[in-house]
Amino acid sequence: MSDLTQAHCEACRADAPHVSEDELASLLKQIPDWSVETREGVLQLEKTFTFKNFRQALAFTQAVGAIAEAEGHHPSLLTEWGKVTVTWWTHKIRGLHRNDFIMAARTDQVAERPGV
C-alpha cells in the first residue's frame, strides 16, 4: 500500500507550490499506472479504469466522488459504458500538487474494492 493512501489533502492556496521535477518522479513511482498529461499548459494526472458494464462504472464514479468530497479535492470524471477516465490536477495552481497524487492513490484503492 502506498504511503499516499494514508495522507490527507492540505488546503491549497493559489500561491501553493507545484510539485518539483524530483517530487514528480518520486510520486509517480507510487502510482505507476497513472500518466501525466498536459492540457493547455497544465500538467494533470490521468488514468482510465475499465469495468464489465455501465453499472460498475457508475458505482466507481460515485465512490470516487465520495472520497473527493470528503477531502474537498475534486477530479474530472468521464463515465462511459465500461470505463471511467479520472483526471486529477489542482485548479488553483493550474498544475500538480501533492494532493493530486494522494487522491490518485486513493482512486486506485477504490478500484480495488470488491463490487466496484
PDB file of N, CA and C in Angstrom:
ATOM      1  N   MET A   1       0.846  -1.184   0.000  1.00  0.00           N
ATOM      2  CA  MET A   1       0.000   0.000   0.000  1.00  0.00           C
ATOM      3  C   MET A   1       0.891   1.247   0.000  1.00  0.00           C
ATOM      4  N   SER A   2       0.532   2.196  -0.776  1.00  0.00           N
ATOM      5  CA  SER A   2       1.272   3.441  -0.895  1.00  0.00           C
ATOM      6  C   SER A   2       1.083   4.312   0.348  1.00  0.00           C
ATOM      7  N   ASP A   3       2.155   4.975   0.756  1.00  0.00           N
ATOM      8  CA  ASP A   3       2.048   5.944   1.853  1.00  0.00           C
ATOM      9  C   ASP A   3       1.062   7.050   1.503  1.00  0.00           C
ATOM     10  N   LEU A   4       0.897   7.298   0.229  1.00  0.00           N
ATOM     11  CA  LEU A   4      -0.014   8.351  -0.211  1.00  0.00           C
ATOM     12  C   LEU A   4      -1.450   8.076   0.231  1.00  0.00           C
ATOM     13  N   THR A   5      -1.827   6.816   0.308  1.00  0.00           N
ATOM     14  CA  THR A   5      -3.212   6.499   0.661  1.00  0.00           C
ATOM     15  C   THR A   5      -3.519   6.841   2.113  1.00  0.00           C
ATOM     16  N   GLN A   6      -2.480   6.979   2.932  1.00  0.00           N
ATOM     17  CA  GLN A   6      -2.667   7.300   4.345  1.00  0.00           C
ATOM     18  C   GLN A   6      -2.633   8.811   4.603  1.00  0.00           C
ATOM     19  N   ALA A   7      -2.223   9.580   3.608  1.00  0.00           N
ATOM     20  CA  ALA A   7      -2.095  11.035   3.757  1.00  0.00           C
ATOM     21  C   ALA A   7      -3.435  11.717   3.499  1.00  0.00           C
ATOM     22  N   HIS A   8      -3.541  12.940   3.948  1.00  0.00           N
ATOM     23  CA  HIS A   8      -4.732  13.748   3.704  1.00  0.00           C
ATOM     24  C   HIS A   8      -4.333  14.978   2.899  1.00  0.00           C
ATOM     25  N   CYS A   9      -5.266  15.476   2.128  1.00  0.00           N
ATOM     26  CA  CYS A   9      -5.021  16.681   1.348  1.00  0.00           C
ATOM     27  C   CYS A   9      -4.922  17.877   2.280  1.00  0.00           C
ATOM     28  N   GLU A  10      -4.049  18.785   1.912  1.00  0.00           N
ATOM     29  CA  GLU A  10      -3.951  20.031   2.658  1.00  0.00           C
ATOM     30  C   GLU A  10      -4.680  21.116   1.880  1.00  0.00           C
ATOM     31  N   ALA A  11      -5.180  22.086   2.599  1.00  0.00           N
ATOM     32  CA  ALA A  11      -5.857  23.199   1.928  1.00  0.00           C
ATOM     33  C   ALA A  11      -4.860  23.855   0.979  1.00  0.00           C
ATOM     34  N   CYS A  12      -5.295  24.107  -0.219  1.00  0.00           N
ATOM     35  CA  CYS A  12      -4.400  24.639  -1.240  1.00  0.00           C
ATOM     36  C   CYS A  12      -4.745  26.093  -1.543  1.00  0.00           C
ATOM     37  N   ARG A  13      -3.711  26.904  -1.632  1.00  0.00           N
ATOM     38  CA  ARG A  13      -3.879  28.323  -1.963  1.00  0.00           C
ATOM     39  C   ARG A  13      -3.359  28.550  -3.386  1.00  0.00           C
ATOM     40  N   ALA A  14      -3.718  29.666  -3.943  1.00  0.00           N
ATOM     41  CA  ALA A  14      -3.292  29.992  -5.309  1.00  0.00           C
ATOM     42  C   ALA A  14      -1.772  30.110  -5.421  1.00  0.00           C
ATOM     43  N   ASP A  15      -1.097  30.397  -4.290  1.00  0.00           N
ATOM     44  CA  ASP A  15       0.362  30.529  -4.323  1.00  0.00           C
ATOM     45  C   ASP A  15       1.076  29.261  -3.838  1.00  0.00           C
ATOM     46  N   ALA A  16       0.343  28.162  -3.695  1.00  0.00           N
ATOM     47  CA  ALA A  16       0.953  26.891  -3.283  1.00  0.00           C
ATOM     48  C   ALA A  16       1.920  26.425  -4.374  1.00  0.00           C
ATOM     49  N   PRO A  17       2.987  25.766  -3.976  1.00  0.00           N
ATOM     50  CA  PRO A  17       3.971  25.329  -4.980  1.00  0.00           C
ATOM     51  C   PRO A  17       3.494  24.103  -5.753  1.00  0.00           C
ATOM     52  N   HIS A  18       3.859  24.074  -7.029  1.00  0.00           N
ATOM     53  CA  HIS A  18       3.664  22.874  -7.840  1.00  0.00           C
ATOM     54  C   HIS A  18       4.677  21.834  -7.352  1.00  0.00           C
ATOM     55  N   VAL A  19       4.428  20.562  -7.653  1.00  0.00           N
ATOM     56  CA  VAL A  19       5.446  19.565  -7.350  1.00  0.00           C
ATOM     57  C   VAL A  19       6.661  19.845  -8.237  1.00  0.00           C
ATOM     58  N   SER A  20       7.844  19.647  -7.674  1.00  0.00           N
ATOM     59  CA  SER A  20       9.072  19.845  -8.448  1.00  0.00           C
ATOM     60  C   SER A  20       9.272  18.633  -9.366  1.00  0.00           C
ATOM     61  N   GLU A  21      10.229  18.720 -10.270  1.00  0.00           N
ATOM     62  CA  GLU A  21      10.508  17.597 -11.168  1.00  0.00           C
ATOM     63  C   GLU A  21      10.945  16.373 -10.374  1.00  0.00           C
ATOM     64  N   ASP A  22      11.765  16.579  -9.330  1.00  0.00           N
ATOM     65  CA  ASP A  22      12.200  15.459  -8.492  1.00  0.00           C
ATOM     66  C   ASP A  22      11.024  14.844  -7.743  1.00  0.00           C
ATOM     67  N   GLU A  23      10.164  15.687  -7.192  1.00  0.00           N
ATOM     68  CA  GLU A  23       8.978  15.188  -6.489  1.00  0.00           C
ATOM     69  C   GLU A  23       8.071  14.435  -7.460  1.00  0.00           C
ATOM     70  N   LEU A  24       7.908  14.975  -8.647  1.00  0.00           N
ATOM     71  CA  LEU A  24       7.062  14.342  -9.659  1.00  0.00           C
ATOM     72  C   LEU A  24       7.548  12.925  -9.933  1.00  0.00           C
ATOM     73  N   ALA A  25       8.834  12.759 -10.164  1.00  0.00           N
ATOM     74  CA  ALA A  25       9.398  11.436 -10.457  1.00  0.00           C
ATOM     75  C   ALA A  25       9.190  10.487  -9.283  1.00  0.00           C
ATOM     76  N   SER A  26       9.415  10.965  -8.081  1.00  0.00           N
ATOM     77  CA  SER A  26       9.260  10.137  -6.882  1.00  0.00           C
ATOM     78  C   SER A  26       7.800   9.749  -6.651  1.00  0.00           C
ATOM     79  N   LEU A  27       6.904  10.705  -6.782  1.00  0.00           N
ATOM     80  CA  LEU A  27       5.485  10.441  -6.545  1.00  0.00           C
ATOM     81  C   LEU A  27       4.888   9.519  -7.606  1.00  0.00           C
ATOM     82  N   LEU A  28       5.330   9.664  -8.843  1.00  0.00           N
ATOM     83  CA  LEU A  28       4.820   8.799  -9.913  1.00  0.00           C
ATOM     84  C   LEU A  28       5.183   7.334  -9.679  1.00  0.00           C
ATOM     85  N   LYS A  29       6.287   7.088  -9.003  1.00  0.00           N
ATOM     86  CA  LYS A  29       6.674   5.710  -8.693  1.00  0.00           C
ATOM     87  C   LYS A  29       5.643   5.050  -7.777  1.00  0.00           C
ATOM     88  N   GLN A  30       4.938   5.862  -6.997  1.00  0.00           N
ATOM     89  CA  GLN A  30       3.936   5.327  -6.078  1.00  0.00           C
ATOM     90  C   GLN A  30       2.581   5.087  -6.761  1.00  0.00           C
ATOM     91  N   ILE A  31       2.396   5.658  -7.928  1.00  0.00           N
ATOM     92  CA  ILE A  31       1.157   5.464  -8.699  1.00  0.00           C
ATOM     93  C   ILE A  31       1.550   5.175 -10.161  1.00  0.00           C
ATOM     94  N   PRO A  32       2.229   4.047 -10.389  1.00  0.00           N
ATOM     95  CA  PRO A  32       2.863   3.803 -11.690  1.00  0.00           C
ATOM     96  C   PRO A  32       1.929   3.696 -12.889  1.00  0.00           C
ATOM     97  N   ASP A  33       0.667   3.411 -12.680  1.00  0.00           N
ATOM     98  CA  ASP A  33      -0.241   3.249 -13.817  1.00  0.00           C
ATOM     99  C   ASP A  33      -0.878   4.550 -14.273  1.00  0.00           C
ATOM    100  N   TRP A  34      -0.563   5.637 -13.610  1.00  0.00           N
ATOM    101  CA  TRP A  34      -1.107   6.940 -13.975  1.00  0.00           C
ATOM    102  C   TRP A  34      -0.167   7.610 -14.964  1.00  0.00           C
ATOM    103  N   SER A  35      -0.733   8.390 -15.866  1.00  0.00           N
ATOM    104  CA  SER A  35       0.085   9.143 -16.818  1.00  0.00           C
ATOM    105  C   SER A  35      -0.033  10.632 -16.526  1.00  0.00           C
ATOM    106  N   VAL A  36       0.983  11.357 -16.942  1.00  0.00           N
ATOM    107  CA  VAL A  36       0.961  12.816 -16.828  1.00  0.00           C
ATOM    108  C   VAL A  36       0.601  13.364 -18.200  1.00  0.00           C
ATOM    109  N   GLU A  37      -0.476  14.105 -18.250  1.00  0.00           N
ATOM    110  CA  GLU A  37      -0.941  14.726 -19.486  1.00  0.00           C
ATOM    111  C   GLU A  37      -0.806  16.238 -19.339  1.00  0.00           C
ATOM    112  N   THR A  38      -0.561  16.908 -20.445  1.00  0.00           N
ATOM    113  CA  THR A  38      -0.510  18.370 -20.437  1.00  0.00           C
ATOM    114  C   THR A  38      -1.638  18.882 -21.318  1.00  0.00           C
ATOM    115  N   ARG A  39      -2.507  19.691 -20.719  1.00  0.00           N
ATOM    116  CA  ARG A  39      -3.630  20.283 -21.445  1.00  0.00           C
ATOM    117  C   ARG A  39      -3.606  21.786 -21.212  1.00  0.00           C
ATOM    118  N   GLU A  40      -3.511  22.520 -22.294  1.00  0.00           N
ATOM    119  CA  GLU A  40      -3.465  23.982 -22.214  1.00  0.00           C
ATOM    120  C   GLU A  40      -2.381  24.433 -21.237  1.00  0.00           C
ATOM    121  N   GLY A  41      -1.235  23.736 -21.265  1.00  0.00           N
ATOM    122  CA  GLY A  41      -0.098  24.076 -20.426  1.00  0.00           C
ATOM    123  C   GLY A  41      -0.212  23.633 -18.980  1.00  0.00           C
ATOM    124  N   VAL A  42      -1.239  22.853 -18.651  1.00  0.00           N
ATOM    125  CA  VAL A  42      -1.477  22.417 -17.277  1.00  0.00           C
ATOM    126  C   VAL A  42      -1.187  20.922 -17.157  1.00  0.00           C
ATOM    127  N   LEU A  43      -0.259  20.556 -16.257  1.00  0.00           N
ATOM    128  CA  LEU A  43       0.022  19.149 -16.007  1.00  0.00           C
ATOM    129  C   LEU A  43      -1.123  18.535 -15.209  1.00  0.00           C
ATOM    130  N   GLN A  44      -1.530  17.323 -15.628  1.00  0.00           N
ATOM    131  CA  GLN A  44      -2.629  16.612 -14.975  1.00  0.00           C
ATOM    132  C   GLN A  44      -2.290  15.134 -14.897  1.00  0.00           C
ATOM    133  N   LEU A  45      -2.791  14.472 -13.848  1.00  0.00           N
ATOM    134  CA  LEU A  45      -2.664  13.022 -13.721  1.00  0.00           C
ATOM    135  C   LEU A  45      -3.920  12.380 -14.300  1.00  0.00           C
ATOM    136  N   GLU A  46      -3.737  11.295 -15.061  1.00  0.00           N
ATOM    137  CA  GLU A  46      -4.907  10.680 -15.680  1.00  0.00           C
ATOM    138  C   GLU A  46      -4.745   9.165 -15.759  1.00  0.00           C
ATOM    139  N   LYS A  47      -5.878   8.501 -15.562  1.00  0.00           N
ATOM    140  CA  LYS A  47      -5.918   7.037 -15.685  1.00  0.00           C
ATOM    141  C   LYS A  47      -7.334   6.631 -16.083  1.00  0.00           C
ATOM    142  N   THR A  48      -7.418   5.615 -16.949  1.00  0.00           N
ATOM    143  CA  THR A  48      -8.707   5.060 -17.351  1.00  0.00           C
ATOM    144  C   THR A  48      -8.871   3.699 -16.696  1.00  0.00           C
ATOM    145  N   PHE A  49      -9.997   3.526 -16.027  1.00  0.00           N
ATOM    146  CA  PHE A  49     -10.345   2.286 -15.350  1.00  0.00           C
ATOM    147  C   PHE A  49     -11.414   1.586 -16.180  1.00  0.00           C
ATOM    148  N   THR A  50     -11.315   0.270 -16.332  1.00  0.00           N
ATOM    149  CA  THR A  50     -12.300  -0.462 -17.121  1.00  0.00           C
ATOM    150  C   THR A  50     -13.167  -1.345 -16.225  1.00  0.00           C
ATOM    151  N   PHE A  51     -14.409  -1.534 -16.674  1.00  0.00           N
ATOM    152  CA  PHE A  51     -15.405  -2.288 -15.925  1.00  0.00           C
ATOM    153  C   PHE A  51     -16.209  -3.154 -16.884  1.00  0.00           C
ATOM    154  N   LYS A  52     -16.961  -4.094 -16.331  1.00  0.00           N
ATOM    155  CA  LYS A  52     -17.740  -5.017 -17.154  1.00  0.00           C
ATOM    156  C   LYS A  52     -18.981  -4.377 -17.758  1.00  0.00           C
ATOM    157  N   ASN A  53     -19.457  -3.293 -17.135  1.00  0.00           N
ATOM    158  CA  ASN A  53     -20.687  -2.689 -17.623  1.00  0.00           C
ATOM    159  C   ASN A  53     -20.811  -1.251 -17.113  1.00  0.00           C
ATOM    160  N   PHE A  54     -21.874  -0.606 -17.509  1.00  0.00           N
ATOM    161  CA  PHE A  54     -22.092   0.785 -17.106  1.00  0.00           C
ATOM    162  C   PHE A  54     -22.394   0.898 -15.613  1.00  0.00           C
ATOM    163  N   ARG A  55     -23.130  -0.052 -15.060  1.00  0.00           N
ATOM    164  CA  ARG A  55     -23.488  -0.019 -13.647  1.00  0.00           C
ATOM    165  C   ARG A  55     -22.235   0.013 -12.775  1.00  0.00           C
ATOM    166  N   GLN A  56     -21.249  -0.829 -13.087  1.00  0.00           N
ATOM    167  CA  GLN A  56     -20.000  -0.842 -12.317  1.00  0.00           C
ATOM    168  C   GLN A  56     -19.216   0.456 -12.514  1.00  0.00           C
ATOM    169  N   ALA A  57     -19.205   0.966 -13.730  1.00  0.00           N
ATOM    170  CA  ALA A  57     -18.508   2.232 -13.998  1.00  0.00           C
ATOM    171  C   ALA A  57     -19.153   3.368 -13.211  1.00  0.00           C
ATOM    172  N   LEU A  58     -20.473   3.377 -13.163  1.00  0.00           N
ATOM    173  CA  LEU A  58     -21.180   4.415 -12.424  1.00  0.00           C
ATOM    174  C   LEU A  58     -20.944   4.288 -10.920  1.00  0.00           C
ATOM    175  N   ALA A  59     -20.936   3.058 -10.407  1.00  0.00           N
ATOM    176  CA  ALA A  59     -20.663   2.847  -8.977  1.00  0.00           C
ATOM    177  C   ALA A  59     -19.264   3.346  -8.621  1.00  0.00           C
ATOM    178  N   PHE A  60     -18.294   3.089  -9.489  1.00  0.00           N
ATOM    179  CA  PHE A  60     -16.927   3.573  -9.278  1.00  0.00           C
ATOM    180  C   PHE A  60     -16.903   5.099  -9.285  1.00  0.00           C
ATOM    181  N   THR A  61     -17.580   5.698 -10.243  1.00  0.00           N
ATOM    182  CA  THR A  61     -17.651   7.163 -10.332  1.00  0.00           C
ATOM    183  C   THR A  61     -18.199   7.744  -9.035  1.00  0.00           C
ATOM    184  N   GLN A  62     -19.258   7.143  -8.519  1.00  0.00           N
ATOM    185  CA  GLN A  62     -19.856   7.637  -7.280  1.00  0.00           C
ATOM    186  C   GLN A  62     -18.922   7.451  -6.092  1.00  0.00           C
ATOM    187  N   ALA A  63     -18.198   6.341  -6.054  1.00  0.00           N
ATOM    188  CA  ALA A  63     -17.249   6.103  -4.962  1.00  0.00           C
ATOM    189  C   ALA A  63     -16.089   7.104  -5.009  1.00  0.00           C
ATOM    190  N   VAL A  64     -15.594   7.393  -6.201  1.00  0.00           N
ATOM    191  CA  VAL A  64     -14.530   8.400  -6.333  1.00  0.00           C
ATOM    192  C   VAL A  64     -15.073   9.771  -5.943  1.00  0.00           C
ATOM    193  N   GLY A  65     -16.295  10.062  -6.330  1.00  0.00           N
ATOM    194  CA  GLY A  65     -16.923  11.323  -5.929  1.00  0.00           C
ATOM    195  C   GLY A  65     -17.011  11.458  -4.425  1.00  0.00           C
ATOM    196  N   ALA A  66     -17.291  10.368  -3.736  1.00  0.00           N
ATOM    197  CA  ALA A  66     -17.396  10.398  -2.274  1.00  0.00           C
ATOM    198  C   ALA A  66     -16.053  10.695  -1.618  1.00  0.00           C
ATOM    199  N   ILE A  67     -14.963  10.081  -2.108  1.00  0.00           N
ATOM    200  CA  ILE A  67     -13.660  10.368  -1.497  1.00  0.00           C
ATOM    201  C   ILE A  67     -13.206  11.786  -1.845  1.00  0.00           C
ATOM    202  N   ALA A  68     -13.571  12.244  -3.024  1.00  0.00           N
ATOM    203  CA  ALA A  68     -13.232  13.610  -3.430  1.00  0.00           C
ATOM    204  C   ALA A  68     -13.942  14.622  -2.537  1.00  0.00           C
ATOM    205  N   GLU A  69     -15.208  14.384  -2.295  1.00  0.00           N
ATOM    206  CA  GLU A  69     -15.985  15.297  -1.454  1.00  0.00           C
ATOM    207  C   GLU A  69     -15.455  15.298  -0.025  1.00  0.00           C
ATOM    208  N   ALA A  70     -15.052  14.136   0.477  1.00  0.00           N
ATOM    209  CA  ALA A  70     -14.518  14.043   1.843  1.00  0.00           C
ATOM    210  C   ALA A  70     -13.229  14.844   2.009  1.00  0.00           C
ATOM    211  N   GLU A  71     -12.423  14.917   0.954  1.00  0.00           N
ATOM    212  CA  GLU A  71     -11.154  15.656   1.032  1.00  0.00           C
ATOM    213  C   GLU A  71     -11.265  17.078   0.489  1.00  0.00           C
ATOM    214  N   GLY A  72     -12.386  17.419  -0.122  1.00  0.00           N
ATOM    215  CA  GLY A  72     -12.531  18.760  -0.693  1.00  0.00           C
ATOM    216  C   GLY A  72     -11.628  18.975  -1.896  1.00  0.00           C
ATOM    217  N   HIS A  73     -11.346  17.896  -2.610  1.00  0.00           N
ATOM    218  CA  HIS A  73     -10.471  17.970  -3.792  1.00  0.00           C
ATOM    219  C   HIS A  73     -11.136  17.122  -4.873  1.00  0.00           C
ATOM    220  N   HIS A  74     -11.467  17.733  -6.002  1.00  0.00           N
ATOM    221  CA  HIS A  74     -12.363  17.103  -6.974  1.00  0.00           C
ATOM    222  C   HIS A  74     -11.714  16.905  -8.337  1.00  0.00           C
ATOM    223  N   PRO A  75     -11.897  15.714  -8.914  1.00  0.00           N
ATOM    224  CA  PRO A  75     -11.324  15.413 -10.221  1.00  0.00           C
ATOM    225  C   PRO A  75     -12.292  15.701 -11.360  1.00  0.00           C
ATOM    226  N   SER A  76     -11.792  15.512 -12.532  1.00  0.00           N
ATOM    227  CA  SER A  76     -12.644  15.420 -13.711  1.00  0.00           C
ATOM    228  C   SER A  76     -12.931  13.932 -13.878  1.00  0.00           C
ATOM    229  N   LEU A  77     -14.207  13.588 -14.047  1.00  0.00           N
ATOM    230  CA  LEU A  77     -14.620  12.190 -14.200  1.00  0.00           C
ATOM    231  C   LEU A  77     -15.421  12.049 -15.489  1.00  0.00           C
ATOM    232  N   LEU A  78     -14.957  11.188 -16.371  1.00  0.00           N
ATOM    233  CA  LEU A  78     -15.682  10.884 -17.599  1.00  0.00           C
ATOM    234  C   LEU A  78     -16.147   9.442 -17.501  1.00  0.00           C
ATOM    235  N   THR A  79     -17.454   9.257 -17.324  1.00  0.00           N
ATOM    236  CA  THR A  79     -18.035   7.927 -17.164  1.00  0.00           C
ATOM    237  C   THR A  79     -18.679   7.498 -18.476  1.00  0.00           C
ATOM    238  N   GLU A  80     -18.260   6.333 -18.954  1.00  0.00           N
ATOM    239  CA  GLU A  80     -18.777   5.780 -20.192  1.00  0.00           C
ATOM    240  C   GLU A  80     -19.147   4.320 -19.948  1.00  0.00           C
ATOM    241  N   TRP A  81     -19.732   3.679 -20.950  1.00  0.00           N
ATOM    242  CA  TRP A  81     -20.042   2.272 -20.798  1.00  0.00           C
ATOM    243  C   TRP A  81     -18.730   1.511 -20.626  1.00  0.00           C
ATOM    244  N   GLY A  82     -18.556   0.880 -19.452  1.00  0.00           N
ATOM    245  CA  GLY A  82     -17.403   0.025 -19.213  1.00  0.00           C
ATOM    246  C   GLY A  82     -16.099   0.724 -18.902  1.00  0.00           C
ATOM    247  N   LYS A  83     -16.120   2.038 -18.749  1.00  0.00           N
ATOM    248  CA  LYS A  83     -14.863   2.694 -18.373  1.00  0.00           C
ATOM    249  C   LYS A  83     -15.114   4.062 -17.759  1.00  0.00           C
ATOM    250  N   VAL A  84     -14.147   4.462 -16.935  1.00  0.00           N
ATOM    251  CA  VAL A  84     -14.167   5.780 -16.317  1.00  0.00           C
ATOM    252  C   VAL A  84     -12.757   6.353 -16.427  1.00  0.00           C
ATOM    253  N   THR A  85     -12.652   7.559 -16.959  1.00  0.00           N
ATOM    254  CA  THR A  85     -11.375   8.256 -17.012  1.00  0.00           C
ATOM    255  C   THR A  85     -11.373   9.280 -15.888  1.00  0.00           C
ATOM    256  N   VAL A  86     -10.345   9.192 -15.039  1.00  0.00           N
ATOM    257  CA  VAL A  86     -10.212  10.077 -13.881  1.00  0.00           C
ATOM    258  C   VAL A  86      -9.007  10.972 -14.120  1.00  0.00           C
ATOM    259  N   THR A  87      -9.200  12.269 -13.950  1.00  0.00           N
ATOM    260  CA  THR A  87      -8.128  13.241 -14.147  1.00  0.00           C
ATOM    261  C   THR A  87      -8.045  14.127 -12.912  1.00  0.00           C
ATOM    262  N   TRP A  88      -6.855  14.153 -12.301  1.00  0.00           N
ATOM    263  CA  TRP A  88      -6.607  14.975 -11.113  1.00  0.00           C
ATOM    264  C   TRP A  88      -5.610  16.082 -11.446  1.00  0.00           C
ATOM    265  N   TRP A  89      -5.909  17.283 -11.004  1.00  0.00           N
ATOM    266  CA  TRP A  89      -4.974  18.401 -11.002  1.00  0.00           C
ATOM    267  C   TRP A  89      -5.543  19.435 -10.054  1.00  0.00           C
ATOM    268  N   THR A  90      -4.715  20.372  -9.676  1.00  0.00           N
ATOM    269  CA  THR A  90      -5.156  21.394  -8.729  1.00  0.00           C
ATOM    270  C   THR A  90      -5.476  22.660  -9.501  1.00  0.00           C
ATOM    271  N   HIS A  91      -6.749  22.987  -9.534  1.00  0.00           N
ATOM    272  CA  HIS A  91      -7.217  24.126 -10.316  1.00  0.00           C
ATOM    273  C   HIS A  91      -6.596  25.437  -9.855  1.00  0.00           C
ATOM    274  N   LYS A  92      -6.486  25.632  -8.541  1.00  0.00           N
ATOM    275  CA  LYS A  92      -5.989  26.906  -8.018  1.00  0.00           C
ATOM    276  C   LYS A  92      -4.583  27.230  -8.484  1.00  0.00           C
ATOM    277  N   ILE A  93      -3.753  26.195  -8.670  1.00  0.00           N
ATOM    278  CA  ILE A  93      -2.374  26.457  -9.084  1.00  0.00           C
ATOM    279  C   ILE A  93      -2.136  26.099 -10.553  1.00  0.00           C
ATOM    280  N   ARG A  94      -3.197  25.638 -11.218  1.00  0.00           N
ATOM    281  CA  ARG A  94      -3.099  25.255 -12.624  1.00  0.00           C
ATOM    282  C   ARG A  94      -1.951  24.278 -12.862  1.00  0.00           C
ATOM    283  N   GLY A  95      -1.962  23.196 -12.057  1.00  0.00           N
ATOM    284  CA  GLY A  95      -0.925  22.177 -12.205  1.00  0.00           C
ATOM    285  C   GLY A  95      -1.041  21.123 -11.121  1.00  0.00           C
ATOM    286  N   LEU A  96       0.065  20.420 -10.922  1.00  0.00           N
ATOM    287  CA  LEU A  96       0.067  19.308  -9.985  1.00  0.00           C
ATOM    288  C   LEU A  96       0.611  19.695  -8.611  1.00  0.00           C
ATOM    289  N   HIS A  97      -0.107  19.254  -7.598  1.00  0.00           N
ATOM    290  CA  HIS A  97       0.243  19.435  -6.189  1.00  0.00           C
ATOM    291  C   HIS A  97       0.289  18.036  -5.581  1.00  0.00           C
ATOM    292  N   ARG A  98       0.911  17.884  -4.447  1.00  0.00           N
ATOM    293  CA  ARG A  98       0.961  16.574  -3.780  1.00  0.00           C
ATOM    294  C   ARG A  98      -0.453  16.013  -3.560  1.00  0.00           C
ATOM    295  N   ASN A  99      -1.428  16.882  -3.323  1.00  0.00           N
ATOM    296  CA  ASN A  99      -2.816  16.441  -3.140  1.00  0.00           C
ATOM    297  C   ASN A  99      -3.299  15.562  -4.295  1.00  0.00           C
ATOM    298  N   ASP A 100      -2.883  15.891  -5.503  1.00  0.00           N
ATOM    299  CA  ASP A 100      -3.334  15.135  -6.673  1.00  0.00           C
ATOM    300  C   ASP A 100      -2.824  13.698  -6.634  1.00  0.00           C
ATOM    301  N   PHE A 101      -1.616  13.517  -6.147  1.00  0.00           N
ATOM    302  CA  PHE A 101      -1.035  12.177  -6.047  1.00  0.00           C
ATOM    303  C   PHE A 101      -1.702  11.381  -4.922  1.00  0.00           C
ATOM    304  N   ILE A 102      -2.024  12.061  -3.832  1.00  0.00           N
ATOM    305  CA  ILE A 102      -2.769  11.424  -2.739  1.00  0.00           C
ATOM    306  C   ILE A 102      -4.090  10.897  -3.271  1.00  0.00           C
ATOM    307  N   MET A 103      -4.791  11.732  -4.006  1.00  0.00           N
ATOM    308  CA  MET A 103      -6.111  11.342  -4.499  1.00  0.00           C
ATOM    309  C   MET A 103      -6.022  10.282  -5.605  1.00  0.00           C
ATOM    310  N   ALA A 104      -4.970  10.316  -6.400  1.00  0.00           N
ATOM    311  CA  ALA A 104      -4.786   9.262  -7.407  1.00  0.00           C
ATOM    312  C   ALA A 104      -4.573   7.909  -6.714  1.00  0.00           C
ATOM    313  N   ALA A 105      -3.762   7.895  -5.668  1.00  0.00           N
ATOM    314  CA  ALA A 105      -3.531   6.653  -4.919  1.00  0.00           C
ATOM    315  C   ALA A 105      -4.824   6.163  -4.274  1.00  0.00           C
ATOM    316  N   ARG A 106      -5.600   7.081  -3.757  1.00  0.00           N
ATOM    317  CA  ARG A 106      -6.882   6.690  -3.155  1.00  0.00           C
ATOM    318  C   ARG A 106      -7.869   6.197  -4.217  1.00  0.00           C
ATOM    319  N   THR A 107      -7.803   6.755  -5.406  1.00  0.00           N
ATOM    320  CA  THR A 107      -8.649   6.303  -6.504  1.00  0.00           C
ATOM    321  C   THR A 107      -8.308   4.853  -6.843  1.00  0.00           C
ATOM    322  N   ASP A 108      -7.022   4.533  -6.862  1.00  0.00           N
ATOM    323  CA  ASP A 108      -6.608   3.148  -7.095  1.00  0.00           C
ATOM    324  C   ASP A 108      -7.178   2.227  -6.015  1.00  0.00           C
ATOM    325  N   GLN A 109      -7.194   2.688  -4.771  1.00  0.00           N
ATOM    326  CA  GLN A 109      -7.775   1.898  -3.679  1.00  0.00           C
ATOM    327  C   GLN A 109      -9.251   1.624  -3.923  1.00  0.00           C
ATOM    328  N   VAL A 110      -9.975   2.645  -4.371  1.00  0.00           N
ATOM    329  CA  VAL A 110     -11.403   2.484  -4.649  1.00  0.00           C
ATOM    330  C   VAL A 110     -11.593   1.408  -5.719  1.00  0.00           C
ATOM    331  N   ALA A 111     -10.748   1.415  -6.728  1.00  0.00           N
ATOM    332  CA  ALA A 111     -10.874   0.453  -7.834  1.00  0.00           C
ATOM    333  C   ALA A 111     -10.632  -0.983  -7.364  1.00  0.00           C
ATOM    334  N   GLU A 112      -9.903  -1.148  -6.278  1.00  0.00           N
ATOM    335  CA  GLU A 112      -9.608  -2.488  -5.758  1.00  0.00           C
ATOM    336  C   GLU A 112     -10.718  -3.041  -4.885  1.00  0.00           C
ATOM    337  N   ARG A 113     -11.684  -2.212  -4.502  1.00  0.00           N
ATOM    338  CA  ARG A 113     -12.778  -2.679  -3.641  1.00  0.00           C
ATOM    339  C   ARG A 113     -13.657  -3.679  -4.374  1.00  0.00           C
ATOM    340  N   PRO A 114     -14.065  -4.732  -3.675  1.00  0.00           N
ATOM    341  CA  PRO A 114     -14.983  -5.690  -4.302  1.00  0.00           C
ATOM    342  C   PRO A 114     -16.315  -4.997  -4.644  1.00  0.00           C
ATOM    343  N   GLY A 115     -16.846  -5.357  -5.776  1.00  0.00           N
ATOM    344  CA  GLY A 115     -18.146  -4.826  -6.174  1.00  0.00           C
ATOM    345  C   GLY A 115     -18.096  -3.487  -6.871  1.00  0.00           C
ATOM    346  N   VAL A 116     -16.906  -2.915  -6.991  1.00  0.00           N
ATOM    347  CA  VAL A 116     -16.804  -1.638  -7.709  1.00  0.00           C
ATOM    348  C   VAL A 116     -16.248  -1.928  -9.073  1.00  0.00           C
TER     349      VAL A 116
END
